[in-house]
Amino acid sequence: MTTAARVTITYCTQCNWLLRAGWMAQELLNTFGTELGEVAMIPGTGGIFVVTAGDTVVWDRKRDGGFPDIVTLKKLVRDAVVPDRDLGHADRARGD
């Protein structure tokens, strides 16, 4: 039995990004269900917004320039956690 991956969303409390982080966590849980073991939201400061899946940083606001759209985030998490999973319409939304 394999352990389902842990996803973390570290967000800046000074920037009031809790709602954005919460919405993204909800979307990931809704999409991946039990394929994720946990989605943890971690409060931070200094403009941080970092999403990790397992040991992989899939999005860093400072590195990647802003925030991901939700389809991009789902693809990045999928690629890190369950690469063979089909995301349905999200995989076909942009002709990928």
N, C-alpha and C. Protein backbone atom coordinates (compact mmCIF):
# COMPACT_ATOMS: atom_id res chain seq x y z
N MET A 1 0.84 -1.19 0.00
CA MET A 1 0.00 0.00 0.00
C MET A 1 0.88 1.24 0.00
N THR A 2 0.62 2.17 -0.91
CA THR A 2 1.39 3.40 -0.96
C THR A 2 0.68 4.49 -0.17
N THR A 3 1.45 5.38 0.38
CA THR A 3 0.90 6.49 1.13
C THR A 3 0.54 7.62 0.18
N ALA A 4 -0.65 8.14 0.32
CA ALA A 4 -1.08 9.26 -0.52
C ALA A 4 -0.26 10.49 -0.17
N ALA A 5 -0.04 11.32 -1.16
CA ALA A 5 0.84 12.48 -1.01
C ALA A 5 0.22 13.58 -0.15
N ARG A 6 1.11 14.34 0.45
CA ARG A 6 0.72 15.52 1.23
C ARG A 6 0.98 16.75 0.36
N VAL A 7 -0.01 17.59 0.25
CA VAL A 7 0.13 18.87 -0.44
C VAL A 7 0.08 19.95 0.61
N THR A 8 0.97 20.93 0.50
CA THR A 8 0.94 22.08 1.40
C THR A 8 0.79 23.36 0.60
N ILE A 9 0.04 24.27 1.17
CA ILE A 9 -0.08 25.62 0.60
C ILE A 9 0.33 26.58 1.70
N THR A 10 1.49 27.19 1.53
CA THR A 10 1.97 28.18 2.48
C THR A 10 1.61 29.55 1.92
N TYR A 11 0.87 30.32 2.70
CA TYR A 11 0.32 31.59 2.21
C TYR A 11 0.65 32.72 3.18
N CYS A 12 0.66 33.93 2.67
CA CYS A 12 0.99 35.11 3.47
C CYS A 12 -0.26 35.65 4.18
N THR A 13 -0.19 35.69 5.51
CA THR A 13 -1.30 36.24 6.28
C THR A 13 -1.33 37.77 6.18
N GLN A 14 -0.17 38.40 6.01
CA GLN A 14 -0.11 39.86 5.90
C GLN A 14 -0.79 40.33 4.60
N CYS A 15 -0.76 39.49 3.59
CA CYS A 15 -1.33 39.83 2.28
C CYS A 15 -2.79 39.39 2.15
N ASN A 16 -3.31 38.77 3.19
CA ASN A 16 -4.69 38.29 3.21
C ASN A 16 -4.97 37.26 2.11
N TRP A 17 -4.07 36.30 1.95
CA TRP A 17 -4.23 35.28 0.91
C TRP A 17 -4.87 33.99 1.43
N LEU A 18 -5.47 34.04 2.63
CA LEU A 18 -6.12 32.87 3.19
C LEU A 18 -7.25 32.36 2.29
N LEU A 19 -8.10 33.23 1.81
CA LEU A 19 -9.22 32.79 0.97
C LEU A 19 -8.74 32.15 -0.32
N ARG A 20 -7.71 32.72 -0.93
CA ARG A 20 -7.15 32.15 -2.15
C ARG A 20 -6.58 30.76 -1.87
N ALA A 21 -5.83 30.64 -0.79
CA ALA A 21 -5.23 29.35 -0.41
C ALA A 21 -6.32 28.33 -0.10
N GLY A 22 -7.35 28.76 0.62
CA GLY A 22 -8.45 27.87 0.97
C GLY A 22 -9.21 27.38 -0.25
N TRP A 23 -9.45 28.28 -1.19
CA TRP A 23 -10.14 27.91 -2.42
C TRP A 23 -9.31 26.90 -3.22
N MET A 24 -8.01 27.15 -3.32
CA MET A 24 -7.15 26.21 -4.05
C MET A 24 -7.10 24.86 -3.36
N ALA A 25 -7.04 24.85 -2.03
CA ALA A 25 -7.05 23.58 -1.29
C ALA A 25 -8.34 22.82 -1.57
N GLN A 26 -9.46 23.52 -1.55
CA GLN A 26 -10.76 22.91 -1.81
C GLN A 26 -10.82 22.33 -3.22
N GLU A 27 -10.33 23.04 -4.19
CA GLU A 27 -10.32 22.57 -5.58
C GLU A 27 -9.46 21.31 -5.72
N LEU A 28 -8.30 21.30 -5.07
CA LEU A 28 -7.43 20.12 -5.14
C LEU A 28 -8.09 18.91 -4.48
N LEU A 29 -8.70 19.11 -3.33
CA LEU A 29 -9.37 18.01 -2.65
C LEU A 29 -10.56 17.50 -3.46
N ASN A 30 -11.28 18.41 -4.08
CA ASN A 30 -12.42 18.02 -4.89
C ASN A 30 -11.98 17.23 -6.12
N THR A 31 -10.89 17.62 -6.73
CA THR A 31 -10.39 16.96 -7.94
C THR A 31 -9.74 15.63 -7.65
N PHE A 32 -8.88 15.59 -6.63
CA PHE A 32 -8.06 14.40 -6.40
C PHE A 32 -8.62 13.45 -5.34
N GLY A 33 -9.51 13.91 -4.49
CA GLY A 33 -10.12 13.04 -3.49
C GLY A 33 -9.09 12.29 -2.67
N THR A 34 -9.23 10.97 -2.62
CA THR A 34 -8.35 10.15 -1.77
C THR A 34 -6.97 9.92 -2.37
N GLU A 35 -6.73 10.44 -3.57
CA GLU A 35 -5.38 10.34 -4.13
C GLU A 35 -4.41 11.26 -3.37
N LEU A 36 -4.96 12.21 -2.64
CA LEU A 36 -4.16 13.06 -1.76
C LEU A 36 -4.40 12.61 -0.33
N GLY A 37 -3.34 12.51 0.43
CA GLY A 37 -3.47 12.13 1.83
C GLY A 37 -3.87 13.30 2.70
N GLU A 38 -3.49 14.50 2.24
CA GLU A 38 -3.72 15.69 3.06
C GLU A 38 -3.45 16.92 2.20
N VAL A 39 -4.21 17.97 2.45
CA VAL A 39 -3.87 19.29 1.93
C VAL A 39 -3.80 20.20 3.14
N ALA A 40 -2.60 20.66 3.45
CA ALA A 40 -2.37 21.48 4.64
C ALA A 40 -2.16 22.93 4.23
N MET A 41 -2.78 23.82 4.98
CA MET A 41 -2.57 25.25 4.76
C MET A 41 -1.70 25.77 5.89
N ILE A 42 -0.60 26.42 5.50
CA ILE A 42 0.39 26.86 6.47
C ILE A 42 0.51 28.38 6.39
N PRO A 43 0.17 29.09 7.47
CA PRO A 43 0.28 30.54 7.45
C PRO A 43 1.74 30.98 7.48
N GLY A 44 2.03 32.03 6.73
CA GLY A 44 3.37 32.60 6.69
C GLY A 44 3.27 34.11 6.54
N THR A 45 4.42 34.73 6.28
CA THR A 45 4.48 36.18 6.10
C THR A 45 5.45 36.49 4.97
N GLY A 46 5.55 37.77 4.65
CA GLY A 46 6.55 38.22 3.69
C GLY A 46 6.19 37.95 2.24
N GLY A 47 4.91 37.84 1.93
CA GLY A 47 4.50 37.66 0.54
C GLY A 47 4.63 36.24 0.03
N ILE A 48 4.75 35.27 0.93
CA ILE A 48 4.95 33.88 0.51
C ILE A 48 3.64 33.27 -0.02
N PHE A 49 3.75 32.53 -1.08
CA PHE A 49 2.68 31.67 -1.58
C PHE A 49 3.37 30.53 -2.31
N VAL A 50 3.50 29.39 -1.62
CA VAL A 50 4.23 28.24 -2.14
C VAL A 50 3.36 27.00 -2.01
N VAL A 51 3.26 26.23 -3.09
CA VAL A 51 2.51 24.98 -3.08
C VAL A 51 3.49 23.84 -3.31
N THR A 52 3.47 22.86 -2.42
CA THR A 52 4.29 21.67 -2.58
C THR A 52 3.40 20.45 -2.69
N ALA A 53 3.87 19.48 -3.44
CA ALA A 53 3.20 18.18 -3.55
C ALA A 53 4.26 17.13 -3.27
N GLY A 54 4.11 16.45 -2.15
CA GLY A 54 5.18 15.56 -1.72
C GLY A 54 6.40 16.39 -1.40
N ASP A 55 7.53 16.05 -2.02
CA ASP A 55 8.78 16.80 -1.80
C ASP A 55 9.04 17.84 -2.89
N THR A 56 8.09 18.03 -3.78
CA THR A 56 8.28 18.90 -4.94
C THR A 56 7.57 20.23 -4.76
N VAL A 57 8.31 21.32 -4.94
CA VAL A 57 7.67 22.64 -4.99
C VAL A 57 7.07 22.77 -6.38
N VAL A 58 5.75 22.78 -6.45
CA VAL A 58 5.10 22.86 -7.77
C VAL A 58 4.80 24.30 -8.17
N TRP A 59 4.69 25.19 -7.17
CA TRP A 59 4.47 26.61 -7.49
C TRP A 59 5.04 27.47 -6.39
N ASP A 60 5.79 28.49 -6.77
CA ASP A 60 6.31 29.49 -5.85
C ASP A 60 6.02 30.85 -6.47
N ARG A 61 5.22 31.64 -5.79
CA ARG A 61 4.79 32.93 -6.34
C ARG A 61 5.97 33.79 -6.78
N LYS A 62 7.02 33.82 -5.99
CA LYS A 62 8.17 34.65 -6.33
C LYS A 62 8.95 34.06 -7.50
N ARG A 63 9.13 32.75 -7.52
CA ARG A 63 9.87 32.09 -8.60
C ARG A 63 9.09 32.09 -9.90
N ASP A 64 7.78 31.81 -9.80
CA ASP A 64 6.97 31.60 -11.00
C ASP A 64 6.18 32.83 -11.44
N GLY A 65 6.24 33.89 -10.67
CA GLY A 65 5.61 35.13 -11.09
C GLY A 65 4.11 35.19 -10.86
N GLY A 66 3.69 35.37 -9.64
CA GLY A 66 2.26 35.50 -9.34
C GLY A 66 1.64 34.20 -8.90
N PHE A 67 0.38 34.05 -9.24
CA PHE A 67 -0.39 32.89 -8.81
C PHE A 67 -0.78 32.04 -10.01
N PRO A 68 -0.88 30.73 -9.80
CA PRO A 68 -1.29 29.87 -10.91
C PRO A 68 -2.81 29.94 -11.09
N ASP A 69 -3.26 29.76 -12.33
CA ASP A 69 -4.69 29.53 -12.49
C ASP A 69 -4.94 28.11 -12.00
N ILE A 70 -6.18 27.78 -11.68
CA ILE A 70 -6.47 26.51 -11.03
C ILE A 70 -6.18 25.32 -11.93
N VAL A 71 -6.39 25.45 -13.23
CA VAL A 71 -6.10 24.34 -14.14
C VAL A 71 -4.60 24.03 -14.15
N THR A 72 -3.79 25.07 -14.18
CA THR A 72 -2.34 24.89 -14.14
C THR A 72 -1.92 24.22 -12.84
N LEU A 73 -2.47 24.68 -11.71
CA LEU A 73 -2.11 24.09 -10.42
C LEU A 73 -2.49 22.61 -10.37
N LYS A 74 -3.68 22.28 -10.85
CA LYS A 74 -4.10 20.87 -10.84
C LYS A 74 -3.17 20.01 -11.69
N LYS A 75 -2.75 20.53 -12.83
CA LYS A 75 -1.82 19.78 -13.68
C LYS A 75 -0.47 19.58 -12.99
N LEU A 76 0.03 20.61 -12.33
CA LEU A 76 1.31 20.51 -11.64
C LEU A 76 1.24 19.51 -10.48
N VAL A 77 0.16 19.55 -9.72
CA VAL A 77 0.00 18.61 -8.62
C VAL A 77 -0.14 17.20 -9.18
N ARG A 78 -0.95 17.04 -10.21
CA ARG A 78 -1.11 15.73 -10.84
C ARG A 78 0.23 15.17 -11.30
N ASP A 79 1.02 16.00 -11.99
CA ASP A 79 2.31 15.56 -12.51
C ASP A 79 3.25 15.11 -11.39
N ALA A 80 3.15 15.73 -10.23
CA ALA A 80 4.02 15.39 -9.10
C ALA A 80 3.51 14.19 -8.30
N VAL A 81 2.20 13.97 -8.29
CA VAL A 81 1.61 12.99 -7.39
C VAL A 81 1.09 11.75 -8.11
N VAL A 82 0.29 11.94 -9.14
CA VAL A 82 -0.32 10.82 -9.88
C VAL A 82 -0.23 11.11 -11.38
N PRO A 83 0.96 10.99 -11.95
CA PRO A 83 1.18 11.44 -13.33
C PRO A 83 0.34 10.73 -14.39
N ASP A 84 -0.17 9.56 -14.11
CA ASP A 84 -0.97 8.85 -15.10
C ASP A 84 -2.45 9.23 -15.06
N ARG A 85 -2.83 10.08 -14.13
CA ARG A 85 -4.24 10.44 -13.96
C ARG A 85 -4.68 11.40 -15.06
N ASP A 86 -5.85 11.14 -15.62
CA ASP A 86 -6.46 12.03 -16.60
C ASP A 86 -7.29 13.07 -15.86
N LEU A 87 -7.09 14.33 -16.18
CA LEU A 87 -7.85 15.40 -15.55
C LEU A 87 -9.08 15.79 -16.36
N GLY A 88 -9.43 14.98 -17.34
CA GLY A 88 -10.64 15.25 -18.11
C GLY A 88 -10.56 16.55 -18.86
N HIS A 89 -11.57 17.38 -18.68
CA HIS A 89 -11.64 18.64 -19.42
C HIS A 89 -10.45 19.57 -19.18
N ALA A 90 -9.84 19.48 -18.02
CA ALA A 90 -8.68 20.33 -17.72
C ALA A 90 -7.49 19.98 -18.62
N ASP A 91 -7.37 18.71 -18.98
CA ASP A 91 -6.28 18.31 -19.89
C ASP A 91 -6.55 18.74 -21.32
N ARG A 92 -7.79 18.95 -21.66
CA ARG A 92 -8.14 19.31 -23.03
C ARG A 92 -8.50 20.77 -23.20
N ALA A 93 -8.53 21.53 -22.11
CA ALA A 93 -8.97 22.92 -22.15
C ALA A 93 -8.14 23.80 -23.07
N ARG A 94 -6.88 23.50 -23.17
CA ARG A 94 -5.98 24.34 -23.99
C ARG A 94 -5.35 23.56 -25.11
N GLY A 95 -5.95 22.45 -25.46
CA GLY A 95 -5.43 21.66 -26.57
C GLY A 95 -4.20 20.86 -26.24
N ASP A 96 -3.96 20.61 -24.94
CA ASP A 96 -2.79 19.81 -24.53
C ASP A 96 -2.94 18.38 -24.96
